[in-house]
Amino acid sequence: MRPCKLALILLFYCFSVSAQRKAAPVTCASCHRSQALTQPDTQMGRALQLPGDNPELTTHPKLTYTIGSYTYTVETQHGQSQYIVSDGTRSISLPILWSMGAQAQTWVIQNDGRMYESLVSYYPTLNGLFTTVGDEHMGPKTLEEAIGRPLTQEDVTTCFGCHSTNAVQDHKLNLATLKPGLTCEHCHTGSMEHLNSAMHGTKRVDPPSLSDLSTDDISSFCGGCHRSWELVVRAGWKGTSNVRFQPYRLANSKCYNGNDPRISCIACHDPHQKVETSVAYYDSKCLACHTTPRQANAKVCPVSKINCTTCHMPKTPFPGGHFIFTDHQIRIVKPGEPYPD
């Protein structure tokens, strides 16, 4: 091949590659590939699911449950799900627009312009429907009441604010900007400005690093959705129902130190990964403190150095919820002792 022709081919190839690179959109995954690959499939990433993207409903095309004189049916066909309530004579059928939860799910539905929390929810432990947690007290007297619990403005913003991204603006729900689940910008304030500066080559704008926060600040940050210590105390939530509020429970631990990064939420949990369920995985987290007697306020367990959480973070059933939570109040658990608030 003649040199000039080869040079033209190489030039054309380089131009094509350059053009492709320029055309490729810059996203968070362009630099943060590992986090961007795994985070969308976490429970937080799938905290809100839209029609057509719900594995639980797809694999359960027809679910039924009866409460009193009302029968509830959730039917899924071609990626669309209907929430049907019947009293035996009449029925109301409403499309499921928003599924709250990655596995266990409660549905937010609309009727006559108002949003409702479905009176029944899907629970994986039951492989079926049951009354939605917190709605056991409802005793509907009409078919319309049987749809579910009417949501207040505060209910709506709280629900969508924790289960989706960019859904709440100026304290109001904005469905036009809603992104399902928790994406980068939900937790990383300023990530879009950071992305834009990378795209346009302007002065780099970096979002605040969560890893730079103190343990207390991380607890409060995660507690925005998982409930902070202050909120639980002010609300007076007592009993085993508060086992689901991990920041509150963790802060009640004797070993909790608001300035020690070894006891923070992200010391044990990477929010970009699915929650690790292996007991052995957490041993190294516990032993980061409880290794030698020389470490202040960190006694060495005389029983074992493996499977630490099985003894010190007991599994606790959530009342009426068909869930079992790991109690994050780390302690020496004694048989028969009352649940510590």
C-alpha atoms as a PDB file:
ATOM      1  CA  MET A   1       0.000   0.000   0.000  1.00  0.00           C
ATOM      2  CA  ARG A   2       1.330   3.459  -0.898  1.00  0.00           C
ATOM      3  CA  PRO A   3       2.446   5.556   2.113  1.00  0.00           C
ATOM      4  CA  CYS A   4       0.120   8.452   1.323  1.00  0.00           C
ATOM      5  CA  LYS A   5      -2.881   6.144   1.107  1.00  0.00           C
ATOM      6  CA  LEU A   6      -1.973   4.494   4.431  1.00  0.00           C
ATOM      7  CA  ALA A   7      -1.625   7.914   6.019  1.00  0.00           C
ATOM      8  CA  LEU A   8      -5.101   8.877   4.811  1.00  0.00           C
ATOM      9  CA  ILE A   9      -6.593   5.666   6.229  1.00  0.00           C
ATOM     10  CA  LEU A  10      -4.939   6.246   9.608  1.00  0.00           C
ATOM     11  CA  LEU A  11      -6.087   9.848   9.603  1.00  0.00           C
ATOM     12  CA  PHE A  12      -9.652   8.811   8.799  1.00  0.00           C
ATOM     13  CA  TYR A  13      -9.562   6.161  11.567  1.00  0.00           C
ATOM     14  CA  CYS A  14      -8.277   8.631  14.150  1.00  0.00           C
ATOM     15  CA  PHE A  15     -10.912  11.159  13.110  1.00  0.00           C
ATOM     16  CA  SER A  16     -13.678   8.534  13.460  1.00  0.00           C
ATOM     17  CA  VAL A  17     -12.528   7.459  16.925  1.00  0.00           C
ATOM     18  CA  SER A  18     -12.260  11.083  18.016  1.00  0.00           C
ATOM     19  CA  ALA A  19     -15.741  11.815  16.691  1.00  0.00           C
ATOM     20  CA  GLN A  20     -17.168   8.805  18.524  1.00  0.00           C
ATOM     21  CA  ARG A  21     -15.543   9.905  21.768  1.00  0.00           C
ATOM     22  CA  LYS A  22     -16.916  13.387  21.365  1.00  0.00           C
ATOM     23  CA  ALA A  23     -20.366  12.021  20.625  1.00  0.00           C
ATOM     24  CA  ALA A  24     -20.385   9.687  23.634  1.00  0.00           C
ATOM     25  CA  PRO A  25     -22.364  11.326  26.467  1.00  0.00           C
ATOM     26  CA  VAL A  26     -20.472  12.067  29.637  1.00  0.00           C
ATOM     27  CA  THR A  27     -22.171  10.536  32.656  1.00  0.00           C
ATOM     28  CA  CYS A  28     -21.215   9.705  36.230  1.00  0.00           C
ATOM     29  CA  ALA A  29     -20.262   6.253  34.932  1.00  0.00           C
ATOM     30  CA  SER A  30     -17.625   7.791  32.671  1.00  0.00           C
ATOM     31  CA  CYS A  31     -15.372   8.237  35.714  1.00  0.00           C
ATOM     32  CA  HIS A  32     -17.090   6.281  38.484  1.00  0.00           C
ATOM     33  CA  ARG A  33     -17.658   3.084  36.557  1.00  0.00           C
ATOM     34  CA  SER A  34     -17.664   0.535  39.384  1.00  0.00           C
ATOM     35  CA  GLN A  35     -20.181   2.474  41.509  1.00  0.00           C
ATOM     36  CA  ALA A  36     -22.414   3.255  38.539  1.00  0.00           C
ATOM     37  CA  LEU A  37     -22.542  -0.398  37.491  1.00  0.00           C
ATOM     38  CA  THR A  38     -23.737  -1.782  40.828  1.00  0.00           C
ATOM     39  CA  GLN A  39     -25.701   1.020  42.533  1.00  0.00           C
ATOM     40  CA  PRO A  40     -28.803   0.993  40.288  1.00  0.00           C
ATOM     41  CA  ASP A  41     -29.517  -2.627  41.287  1.00  0.00           C
ATOM     42  CA  THR A  42     -29.342  -1.977  45.039  1.00  0.00           C
ATOM     43  CA  GLN A  43     -32.453  -1.629  47.171  1.00  0.00           C
ATOM     44  CA  MET A  44     -31.897   2.126  47.243  1.00  0.00           C
ATOM     45  CA  GLY A  45     -31.428   2.196  43.497  1.00  0.00           C
ATOM     46  CA  ARG A  46     -34.768   0.423  43.087  1.00  0.00           C
ATOM     47  CA  ALA A  47     -36.572   2.175  45.935  1.00  0.00           C
ATOM     48  CA  LEU A  48     -39.220   3.377  43.478  1.00  0.00           C
ATOM     49  CA  GLN A  49     -40.136   1.393  40.381  1.00  0.00           C
ATOM     50  CA  LEU A  50     -42.223   2.459  37.425  1.00  0.00           C
ATOM     51  CA  PRO A  51     -44.587   0.300  35.347  1.00  0.00           C
ATOM     52  CA  GLY A  52     -42.786  -2.194  33.154  1.00  0.00           C
ATOM     53  CA  ASP A  53     -39.746  -2.400  35.430  1.00  0.00           C
ATOM     54  CA  ASN A  54     -40.969  -4.411  38.387  1.00  0.00           C
ATOM     55  CA  PRO A  55     -39.616  -7.971  38.692  1.00  0.00           C
ATOM     56  CA  GLU A  56     -41.763  -8.783  41.719  1.00  0.00           C
ATOM     57  CA  LEU A  57     -45.015  -8.033  39.916  1.00  0.00           C
ATOM     58  CA  THR A  58     -43.831  -9.592  36.670  1.00  0.00           C
ATOM     59  CA  THR A  59     -43.142 -12.889  38.430  1.00  0.00           C
ATOM     60  CA  HIS A  60     -46.452 -12.669  40.318  1.00  0.00           C
ATOM     61  CA  PRO A  61     -48.960 -11.835  37.560  1.00  0.00           C
ATOM     62  CA  LYS A  62     -51.979 -12.271  39.830  1.00  0.00           C
ATOM     63  CA  LEU A  63     -52.056 -11.629  43.566  1.00  0.00           C
ATOM     64  CA  THR A  64     -55.196 -11.700  45.703  1.00  0.00           C
ATOM     65  CA  TYR A  65     -56.070 -10.999  49.328  1.00  0.00           C
ATOM     66  CA  THR A  66     -59.276 -10.426  51.300  1.00  0.00           C
ATOM     67  CA  ILE A  67     -59.850  -7.990  54.140  1.00  0.00           C
ATOM     68  CA  GLY A  68     -63.333  -8.247  55.593  1.00  0.00           C
ATOM     69  CA  SER A  69     -65.822  -7.884  52.754  1.00  0.00           C
ATOM     70  CA  TYR A  70     -63.271  -6.489  50.317  1.00  0.00           C
ATOM     71  CA  THR A  71     -61.155  -8.494  47.886  1.00  0.00           C
ATOM     72  CA  TYR A  72     -57.912  -7.065  46.540  1.00  0.00           C
ATOM     73  CA  THR A  73     -56.366  -8.210  43.278  1.00  0.00           C
ATOM     74  CA  VAL A  74     -53.137  -7.073  41.658  1.00  0.00           C
ATOM     75  CA  GLU A  75     -52.942  -8.193  38.033  1.00  0.00           C
ATOM     76  CA  THR A  76     -49.940  -7.663  35.774  1.00  0.00           C
ATOM     77  CA  GLN A  77     -49.970  -8.039  32.003  1.00  0.00           C
ATOM     78  CA  HIS A  78     -47.539  -6.692  29.410  1.00  0.00           C
ATOM     79  CA  GLY A  79     -45.666  -4.648  32.011  1.00  0.00           C
ATOM     80  CA  GLN A  80     -48.774  -2.892  33.331  1.00  0.00           C
ATOM     81  CA  SER A  81     -50.316  -3.628  36.739  1.00  0.00           C
ATOM     82  CA  GLN A  82     -53.855  -2.974  37.934  1.00  0.00           C
ATOM     83  CA  TYR A  83     -54.876  -2.567  41.577  1.00  0.00           C
ATOM     84  CA  ILE A  84     -58.452  -3.841  41.865  1.00  0.00           C
ATOM     85  CA  VAL A  85     -60.726  -3.554  44.902  1.00  0.00           C
ATOM     86  CA  SER A  86     -64.083  -5.332  44.941  1.00  0.00           C
ATOM     87  CA  ASP A  87     -66.918  -5.610  47.441  1.00  0.00           C
ATOM     88  CA  GLY A  88     -68.555  -8.451  45.528  1.00  0.00           C
ATOM     89  CA  THR A  89     -70.940  -6.141  43.719  1.00  0.00           C
ATOM     90  CA  ARG A  90     -68.822  -3.294  42.466  1.00  0.00           C
ATOM     91  CA  SER A  91     -65.126  -2.942  41.836  1.00  0.00           C
ATOM     92  CA  ILE A  92     -62.615  -0.151  41.357  1.00  0.00           C
ATOM     93  CA  SER A  93     -59.641  -0.760  39.083  1.00  0.00           C
ATOM     94  CA  LEU A  94     -56.695   1.639  39.175  1.00  0.00           C
ATOM     95  CA  PRO A  95     -53.309   1.464  37.429  1.00  0.00           C
ATOM     96  CA  ILE A  96     -50.263   1.053  39.653  1.00  0.00           C
ATOM     97  CA  LEU A  97     -48.059   3.999  38.732  1.00  0.00           C
ATOM     98  CA  TRP A  98     -45.469   3.926  41.511  1.00  0.00           C
ATOM     99  CA  SER A  99     -44.164   0.909  43.407  1.00  0.00           C
ATOM    100  CA  MET A 100     -42.426   1.892  46.636  1.00  0.00           C
ATOM    101  CA  GLY A 101     -39.800  -0.691  47.574  1.00  0.00           C
ATOM    102  CA  ALA A 102     -37.464  -3.018  45.731  1.00  0.00           C
ATOM    103  CA  GLN A 103     -38.797  -6.296  47.124  1.00  0.00           C
ATOM    104  CA  ALA A 104     -41.466  -5.675  49.727  1.00  0.00           C
ATOM    105  CA  GLN A 105     -43.717  -3.159  48.010  1.00  0.00           C
ATOM    106  CA  THR A 106     -46.457  -0.698  48.793  1.00  0.00           C
ATOM    107  CA  TRP A 107     -48.144   1.076  45.903  1.00  0.00           C
ATOM    108  CA  VAL A 108     -49.085   4.707  45.516  1.00  0.00           C
ATOM    109  CA  ILE A 109     -52.162   5.054  43.350  1.00  0.00           C
ATOM    110  CA  GLN A 110     -54.438   7.866  42.241  1.00  0.00           C
ATOM    111  CA  ASN A 111     -58.195   8.131  42.317  1.00  0.00           C
ATOM    112  CA  ASP A 112     -60.091  11.286  41.375  1.00  0.00           C
ATOM    113  CA  GLY A 113     -56.892  13.311  41.495  1.00  0.00           C
ATOM    114  CA  ARG A 114     -55.852  12.214  44.986  1.00  0.00           C
ATOM    115  CA  MET A 115     -53.000   9.913  45.925  1.00  0.00           C
ATOM    116  CA  TYR A 116     -53.494   6.871  48.143  1.00  0.00           C
ATOM    117  CA  GLU A 117     -51.267   4.371  49.876  1.00  0.00           C
ATOM    118  CA  SER A 118     -52.534   0.920  48.913  1.00  0.00           C
ATOM    119  CA  LEU A 119     -54.280  -0.881  51.772  1.00  0.00           C
ATOM    120  CA  VAL A 120     -52.430  -4.072  50.859  1.00  0.00           C
ATOM    121  CA  SER A 121     -48.746  -4.582  50.095  1.00  0.00           C
ATOM    122  CA  TYR A 122     -46.563  -7.342  48.706  1.00  0.00           C
ATOM    123  CA  TYR A 123     -44.303  -9.170  51.201  1.00  0.00           C
ATOM    124  CA  PRO A 124     -41.600 -11.556  49.945  1.00  0.00           C
ATOM    125  CA  THR A 125     -41.690 -13.545  53.196  1.00  0.00           C
ATOM    126  CA  LEU A 126     -45.353 -14.331  52.494  1.00  0.00           C
ATOM    127  CA  ASN A 127     -44.901 -14.511  48.734  1.00  0.00           C
ATOM    128  CA  GLY A 128     -48.150 -12.597  48.581  1.00  0.00           C
ATOM    129  CA  LEU A 129     -50.299  -9.729  49.807  1.00  0.00           C
ATOM    130  CA  PHE A 130     -51.121  -8.600  53.330  1.00  0.00           C
ATOM    131  CA  THR A 131     -52.355  -5.422  55.018  1.00  0.00           C
ATOM    132  CA  THR A 132     -49.921  -2.532  54.650  1.00  0.00           C
ATOM    133  CA  VAL A 133     -47.913  -1.846  57.804  1.00  0.00           C
ATOM    134  CA  GLY A 134     -49.515   0.944  59.803  1.00  0.00           C
ATOM    135  CA  ASP A 135     -52.916   0.593  58.119  1.00  0.00           C
ATOM    136  CA  GLU A 136     -54.197  -2.255  60.287  1.00  0.00           C
ATOM    137  CA  HIS A 137     -56.470   0.147  62.130  1.00  0.00           C
ATOM    138  CA  MET A 138     -58.365   1.160  59.001  1.00  0.00           C
ATOM    139  CA  GLY A 139     -61.896  -0.178  58.829  1.00  0.00           C
ATOM    140  CA  PRO A 140     -63.243   0.921  55.435  1.00  0.00           C
ATOM    141  CA  LYS A 141     -67.011   1.305  55.258  1.00  0.00           C
ATOM    142  CA  THR A 142     -67.232   2.012  51.525  1.00  0.00           C
ATOM    143  CA  LEU A 143     -65.526   0.690  48.419  1.00  0.00           C
ATOM    144  CA  GLU A 144     -63.836   4.056  47.937  1.00  0.00           C
ATOM    145  CA  GLU A 145     -62.430   3.960  51.484  1.00  0.00           C
ATOM    146  CA  ALA A 146     -61.183   0.441  50.866  1.00  0.00           C
ATOM    147  CA  ILE A 147     -58.728   1.718  48.220  1.00  0.00           C
ATOM    148  CA  GLY A 148     -56.275   2.714  50.919  1.00  0.00           C
ATOM    149  CA  ARG A 149     -55.044   5.550  53.091  1.00  0.00           C
ATOM    150  CA  PRO A 150     -55.383   9.039  51.565  1.00  0.00           C
ATOM    151  CA  LEU A 151     -51.999  10.757  51.539  1.00  0.00           C
ATOM    152  CA  THR A 152     -51.483  14.282  52.802  1.00  0.00           C
ATOM    153  CA  GLN A 153     -49.166  16.735  51.059  1.00  0.00           C
ATOM    154  CA  GLU A 154     -46.501  15.946  53.676  1.00  0.00           C
ATOM    155  CA  ASP A 155     -46.999  12.198  53.165  1.00  0.00           C
ATOM    156  CA  VAL A 156     -46.485  12.584  49.427  1.00  0.00           C
ATOM    157  CA  THR A 157     -43.319  14.676  49.631  1.00  0.00           C
ATOM    158  CA  THR A 158     -41.834  12.430  52.312  1.00  0.00           C
ATOM    159  CA  CYS A 159     -42.638   9.249  50.414  1.00  0.00           C
ATOM    160  CA  PHE A 160     -41.348  10.397  47.019  1.00  0.00           C
ATOM    161  CA  GLY A 161     -38.515  12.363  48.607  1.00  0.00           C
ATOM    162  CA  CYS A 162     -36.978   9.217  50.081  1.00  0.00           C
ATOM    163  CA  HIS A 163     -37.844   6.741  47.335  1.00  0.00           C
ATOM    164  CA  SER A 164     -36.940   8.747  44.246  1.00  0.00           C
ATOM    165  CA  THR A 165     -34.660  11.509  42.979  1.00  0.00           C
ATOM    166  CA  ASN A 166     -35.528  15.100  42.080  1.00  0.00           C
ATOM    167  CA  ALA A 167     -39.207  14.490  42.788  1.00  0.00           C
ATOM    168  CA  VAL A 168     -39.626  17.232  45.394  1.00  0.00           C
ATOM    169  CA  GLN A 169     -38.975  20.869  44.533  1.00  0.00           C
ATOM    170  CA  ASP A 170     -39.959  23.792  46.732  1.00  0.00           C
ATOM    171  CA  HIS A 171     -41.594  21.294  49.105  1.00  0.00           C
ATOM    172  CA  LYS A 172     -43.951  20.102  46.358  1.00  0.00           C
ATOM    173  CA  LEU A 173     -44.059  16.959  44.235  1.00  0.00           C
ATOM    174  CA  ASN A 174     -42.826  17.492  40.682  1.00  0.00           C
ATOM    175  CA  LEU A 175     -43.430  14.368  38.605  1.00  0.00           C
ATOM    176  CA  ALA A 176     -41.834  15.976  35.533  1.00  0.00           C
ATOM    177  CA  THR A 177     -38.375  15.857  37.130  1.00  0.00           C
ATOM    178  CA  LEU A 178     -38.805  12.584  39.049  1.00  0.00           C
ATOM    179  CA  LYS A 179     -36.202   9.860  38.533  1.00  0.00           C
ATOM    180  CA  PRO A 180     -37.083   6.406  39.912  1.00  0.00           C
ATOM    181  CA  GLY A 181     -34.995   5.216  42.851  1.00  0.00           C
ATOM    182  CA  LEU A 182     -31.989   6.935  44.349  1.00  0.00           C
ATOM    183  CA  THR A 183     -29.496   8.098  41.756  1.00  0.00           C
ATOM    184  CA  CYS A 184     -26.137   9.837  42.239  1.00  0.00           C
ATOM    185  CA  GLU A 185     -27.577  13.312  42.740  1.00  0.00           C
ATOM    186  CA  HIS A 186     -29.941  12.162  45.492  1.00  0.00           C
ATOM    187  CA  CYS A 187     -27.064  11.680  47.928  1.00  0.00           C
ATOM    188  CA  HIS A 188     -24.243  13.630  46.268  1.00  0.00           C
ATOM    189  CA  THR A 189     -25.305  17.268  46.359  1.00  0.00           C
ATOM    190  CA  GLY A 190     -23.824  19.155  43.443  1.00  0.00           C
ATOM    191  CA  SER A 191     -23.059  16.075  41.367  1.00  0.00           C
ATOM    192  CA  MET A 192     -24.810  17.537  38.319  1.00  0.00           C
ATOM    193  CA  GLU A 193     -22.710  20.717  38.516  1.00  0.00           C
ATOM    194  CA  HIS A 194     -19.655  18.462  38.810  1.00  0.00           C
ATOM    195  CA  LEU A 195     -20.773  16.526  35.717  1.00  0.00           C
ATOM    196  CA  ASN A 196     -21.432  19.687  33.730  1.00  0.00           C
ATOM    197  CA  SER A 197     -17.978  21.064  34.545  1.00  0.00           C
ATOM    198  CA  ALA A 198     -16.465  17.799  33.274  1.00  0.00           C
ATOM    199  CA  MET A 199     -18.555  17.866  30.097  1.00  0.00           C
ATOM    200  CA  HIS A 200     -17.770  21.454  29.167  1.00  0.00           C
ATOM    201  CA  GLY A 201     -14.220  21.658  30.445  1.00  0.00           C
ATOM    202  CA  THR A 202     -15.003  24.535  32.809  1.00  0.00           C
ATOM    203  CA  LYS A 203     -13.603  25.025  36.276  1.00  0.00           C
ATOM    204  CA  ARG A 204     -14.016  21.747  38.135  1.00  0.00           C
ATOM    205  CA  VAL A 205     -16.789  21.705  40.716  1.00  0.00           C
ATOM    206  CA  ASP A 206     -16.555  18.834  43.189  1.00  0.00           C
ATOM    207  CA  PRO A 207     -19.495  17.745  45.353  1.00  0.00           C
ATOM    208  CA  PRO A 208     -18.845  17.425  49.090  1.00  0.00           C
ATOM    209  CA  SER A 209     -17.337  14.057  49.992  1.00  0.00           C
ATOM    210  CA  LEU A 210     -19.540  12.068  52.343  1.00  0.00           C
ATOM    211  CA  SER A 211     -16.474  10.213  53.599  1.00  0.00           C
ATOM    212  CA  ASP A 212     -15.249  13.499  55.087  1.00  0.00           C
ATOM    213  CA  LEU A 213     -18.292  13.767  57.355  1.00  0.00           C
ATOM    214  CA  SER A 214     -18.084  12.800  60.996  1.00  0.00           C
ATOM    215  CA  THR A 215     -19.860   9.667  62.159  1.00  0.00           C
ATOM    216  CA  ASP A 216     -22.581  11.817  63.760  1.00  0.00           C
ATOM    217  CA  ASP A 217     -23.077  13.759  60.533  1.00  0.00           C
ATOM    218  CA  ILE A 218     -23.250  10.581  58.447  1.00  0.00           C
ATOM    219  CA  SER A 219     -25.822   9.180  60.870  1.00  0.00           C
ATOM    220  CA  SER A 220     -27.925  12.316  60.492  1.00  0.00           C
ATOM    221  CA  PHE A 221     -27.475  12.250  56.711  1.00  0.00           C
ATOM    222  CA  CYS A 222     -28.619   8.627  56.366  1.00  0.00           C
ATOM    223  CA  GLY A 223     -31.257   9.337  59.008  1.00  0.00           C
ATOM    224  CA  GLY A 224     -32.934  11.732  56.612  1.00  0.00           C
ATOM    225  CA  CYS A 225     -34.686   8.643  55.251  1.00  0.00           C
ATOM    226  CA  HIS A 226     -33.786   5.917  57.738  1.00  0.00           C
ATOM    227  CA  ARG A 227     -34.763   8.200  60.659  1.00  0.00           C
ATOM    228  CA  SER A 228     -32.229  10.002  62.791  1.00  0.00           C
ATOM    229  CA  TRP A 229     -31.742   9.644  66.549  1.00  0.00           C
ATOM    230  CA  GLU A 230     -33.211  13.107  67.121  1.00  0.00           C
ATOM    231  CA  LEU A 231     -36.344  12.427  65.072  1.00  0.00           C
ATOM    232  CA  VAL A 232     -37.127   9.131  66.811  1.00  0.00           C
ATOM    233  CA  VAL A 233     -36.664  10.699  70.245  1.00  0.00           C
ATOM    234  CA  ARG A 234     -38.862  13.699  69.400  1.00  0.00           C
ATOM    235  CA  ALA A 235     -41.544  11.468  67.881  1.00  0.00           C
ATOM    236  CA  GLY A 236     -41.483   9.160  70.905  1.00  0.00           C
ATOM    237  CA  TRP A 237     -41.417   5.984  68.814  1.00  0.00           C
ATOM    238  CA  LYS A 238     -41.039   3.198  71.350  1.00  0.00           C
ATOM    239  CA  GLY A 239     -41.012  -0.590  71.176  1.00  0.00           C
ATOM    240  CA  THR A 240     -39.726  -3.014  68.581  1.00  0.00           C
ATOM    241  CA  SER A 241     -41.200  -0.965  65.736  1.00  0.00           C
ATOM    242  CA  ASN A 242     -38.172   1.336  65.978  1.00  0.00           C
ATOM    243  CA  VAL A 243     -35.818  -1.533  65.062  1.00  0.00           C
ATOM    244  CA  ARG A 244     -36.090  -0.385  61.447  1.00  0.00           C
ATOM    245  CA  PHE A 245     -34.535   2.996  62.308  1.00  0.00           C
ATOM    246  CA  GLN A 246     -30.901   1.969  62.073  1.00  0.00           C
ATOM    247  CA  PRO A 247     -29.244   5.369  62.772  1.00  0.00           C
ATOM    248  CA  TYR A 248     -31.258   5.678  65.984  1.00  0.00           C
ATOM    249  CA  ARG A 249     -30.479   2.154  67.112  1.00  0.00           C
ATOM    250  CA  LEU A 250     -26.772   2.473  66.295  1.00  0.00           C
ATOM    251  CA  ALA A 251     -26.465   5.709  68.246  1.00  0.00           C
ATOM    252  CA  ASN A 252     -27.859   3.922  71.319  1.00  0.00           C
ATOM    253  CA  SER A 253     -24.990   1.433  71.264  1.00  0.00           C
ATOM    254  CA  LYS A 254     -22.536   1.659  74.155  1.00  0.00           C
ATOM    255  CA  CYS A 255     -19.637   1.619  71.694  1.00  0.00           C
ATOM    256  CA  TYR A 256     -21.043   4.424  69.531  1.00  0.00           C
ATOM    257  CA  ASN A 257     -18.718   7.388  69.136  1.00  0.00           C
ATOM    258  CA  GLY A 258     -19.808  10.271  66.960  1.00  0.00           C
ATOM    259  CA  ASN A 259     -16.233  11.008  65.949  1.00  0.00           C
ATOM    260  CA  ASP A 260     -14.999   7.463  65.297  1.00  0.00           C
ATOM    261  CA  PRO A 261     -15.298   6.491  61.606  1.00  0.00           C
ATOM    262  CA  ARG A 262     -15.141   2.783  62.513  1.00  0.00           C
ATOM    263  CA  ILE A 263     -18.713   2.904  63.839  1.00  0.00           C
ATOM    264  CA  SER A 264     -20.360   4.946  61.061  1.00  0.00           C
ATOM    265  CA  CYS A 265     -23.004   3.686  58.638  1.00  0.00           C
ATOM    266  CA  ILE A 266     -20.564   3.580  55.724  1.00  0.00           C
ATOM    267  CA  ALA A 267     -17.943   1.719  57.750  1.00  0.00           C
ATOM    268  CA  CYS A 268     -20.065  -1.411  57.302  1.00  0.00           C
ATOM    269  CA  HIS A 269     -22.288  -0.602  54.318  1.00  0.00           C
ATOM    270  CA  ASP A 270     -21.255   0.556  50.867  1.00  0.00           C
ATOM    271  CA  PRO A 271     -24.352   2.308  49.472  1.00  0.00           C
ATOM    272  CA  HIS A 272     -23.196   1.476  45.946  1.00  0.00           C
ATOM    273  CA  GLN A 273     -23.413  -2.268  46.627  1.00  0.00           C
ATOM    274  CA  LYS A 274     -26.245  -4.569  47.624  1.00  0.00           C
ATOM    275  CA  VAL A 275     -26.448  -5.072  51.368  1.00  0.00           C
ATOM    276  CA  GLU A 276     -24.064  -7.836  52.378  1.00  0.00           C
ATOM    277  CA  THR A 277     -25.958 -10.625  54.159  1.00  0.00           C
ATOM    278  CA  SER A 278     -23.003 -12.831  55.101  1.00  0.00           C
ATOM    279  CA  VAL A 279     -22.434 -12.804  58.865  1.00  0.00           C
ATOM    280  CA  ALA A 280     -18.718 -13.464  58.388  1.00  0.00           C
ATOM    281  CA  TYR A 281     -18.361 -10.311  56.284  1.00  0.00           C
ATOM    282  CA  TYR A 282     -18.996  -8.103  59.310  1.00  0.00           C
ATOM    283  CA  ASP A 283     -16.448  -9.779  61.608  1.00  0.00           C
ATOM    284  CA  SER A 284     -13.641  -7.582  60.295  1.00  0.00           C
ATOM    285  CA  LYS A 285     -15.773  -4.506  60.979  1.00  0.00           C
ATOM    286  CA  CYS A 286     -16.232  -5.497  64.617  1.00  0.00           C
ATOM    287  CA  LEU A 287     -12.599  -6.505  65.029  1.00  0.00           C
ATOM    288  CA  ALA A 288     -11.483  -3.119  63.747  1.00  0.00           C
ATOM    289  CA  CYS A 289     -12.120  -2.024  67.333  1.00  0.00           C
ATOM    290  CA  HIS A 290     -12.388  -5.197  69.408  1.00  0.00           C
ATOM    291  CA  THR A 291      -8.982  -6.711  68.741  1.00  0.00           C
ATOM    292  CA  THR A 292      -6.674  -6.002  71.659  1.00  0.00           C
ATOM    293  CA  PRO A 293      -7.265  -4.924  75.274  1.00  0.00           C
ATOM    294  CA  ARG A 294      -5.085  -1.882  74.672  1.00  0.00           C
ATOM    295  CA  GLN A 295      -7.763  -0.214  72.559  1.00  0.00           C
ATOM    296  CA  ALA A 296      -9.731   2.218  74.688  1.00  0.00           C
ATOM    297  CA  ASN A 297     -13.347   1.309  75.456  1.00  0.00           C
ATOM    298  CA  ALA A 298     -13.176  -1.747  73.201  1.00  0.00           C
ATOM    299  CA  LYS A 299     -13.199  -4.974  75.165  1.00  0.00           C
ATOM    300  CA  VAL A 300     -12.179  -8.233  73.558  1.00  0.00           C
ATOM    301  CA  CYS A 301     -15.012 -10.732  73.374  1.00  0.00           C
ATOM    302  CA  PRO A 302     -14.165 -13.760  75.549  1.00  0.00           C
ATOM    303  CA  VAL A 303     -16.505 -16.039  73.608  1.00  0.00           C
ATOM    304  CA  SER A 304     -15.491 -15.761  69.966  1.00  0.00           C
ATOM    305  CA  LYS A 305     -13.949 -13.656  67.232  1.00  0.00           C
ATOM    306  CA  ILE A 306     -16.254 -14.907  64.491  1.00  0.00           C
ATOM    307  CA  ASN A 307     -19.941 -14.421  63.712  1.00  0.00           C
ATOM    308  CA  CYS A 308     -19.988 -11.384  66.008  1.00  0.00           C
ATOM    309  CA  THR A 309     -23.324  -9.974  64.832  1.00  0.00           C
ATOM    310  CA  THR A 310     -25.234 -13.177  65.601  1.00  0.00           C
ATOM    311  CA  CYS A 311     -24.775 -12.436  69.321  1.00  0.00           C
ATOM    312  CA  HIS A 312     -24.438  -8.680  69.503  1.00  0.00           C
ATOM    313  CA  MET A 313     -26.879  -7.526  66.801  1.00  0.00           C
ATOM    314  CA  PRO A 314     -29.885  -9.843  67.172  1.00  0.00           C
ATOM    315  CA  LYS A 315     -32.434 -10.419  64.431  1.00  0.00           C
ATOM    316  CA  THR A 316     -35.682  -8.805  65.514  1.00  0.00           C
ATOM    317  CA  PRO A 317     -39.122  -9.298  63.930  1.00  0.00           C
ATOM    318  CA  PHE A 318     -40.915  -6.105  62.992  1.00  0.00           C
ATOM    319  CA  PRO A 319     -44.409  -6.234  64.541  1.00  0.00           C
ATOM    320  CA  GLY A 320     -47.078  -6.858  61.927  1.00  0.00           C
ATOM    321  CA  GLY A 321     -44.672  -6.181  59.091  1.00  0.00           C
ATOM    322  CA  HIS A 322     -43.485  -9.646  58.069  1.00  0.00           C
ATOM    323  CA  PHE A 323     -39.923  -8.324  58.162  1.00  0.00           C
ATOM    324  CA  ILE A 324     -36.944  -9.313  60.254  1.00  0.00           C
ATOM    325  CA  PHE A 325     -34.440  -6.543  60.907  1.00  0.00           C
ATOM    326  CA  THR A 326     -30.909  -6.668  62.258  1.00  0.00           C
ATOM    327  CA  ASP A 327     -30.984  -4.623  65.447  1.00  0.00           C
ATOM    328  CA  HIS A 328     -28.222  -2.019  65.115  1.00  0.00           C
ATOM    329  CA  GLN A 329     -28.109  -1.351  68.866  1.00  0.00           C
ATOM    330  CA  ILE A 330     -24.876  -3.268  69.485  1.00  0.00           C
ATOM    331  CA  ARG A 331     -24.829  -4.819  72.933  1.00  0.00           C
ATOM    332  CA  ILE A 332     -24.403  -7.964  74.993  1.00  0.00           C
ATOM    333  CA  VAL A 333     -27.767  -9.626  74.572  1.00  0.00           C
ATOM    334  CA  LYS A 334     -29.076 -11.585  77.533  1.00  0.00           C
ATOM    335  CA  PRO A 335     -31.829 -14.207  77.089  1.00  0.00           C
ATOM    336  CA  GLY A 336     -35.250 -12.985  78.120  1.00  0.00           C
ATOM    337  CA  GLU A 337     -34.250  -9.359  78.575  1.00  0.00           C
ATOM    338  CA  PRO A 338     -36.743  -6.736  77.353  1.00  0.00           C
ATOM    339  CA  TYR A 339     -36.178  -4.944  74.073  1.00  0.00           C
ATOM    340  CA  PRO A 340     -34.119  -1.829  74.855  1.00  0.00           C
ATOM    341  CA  ASP A 341     -35.622   1.426  73.587  1.00  0.00           C
END
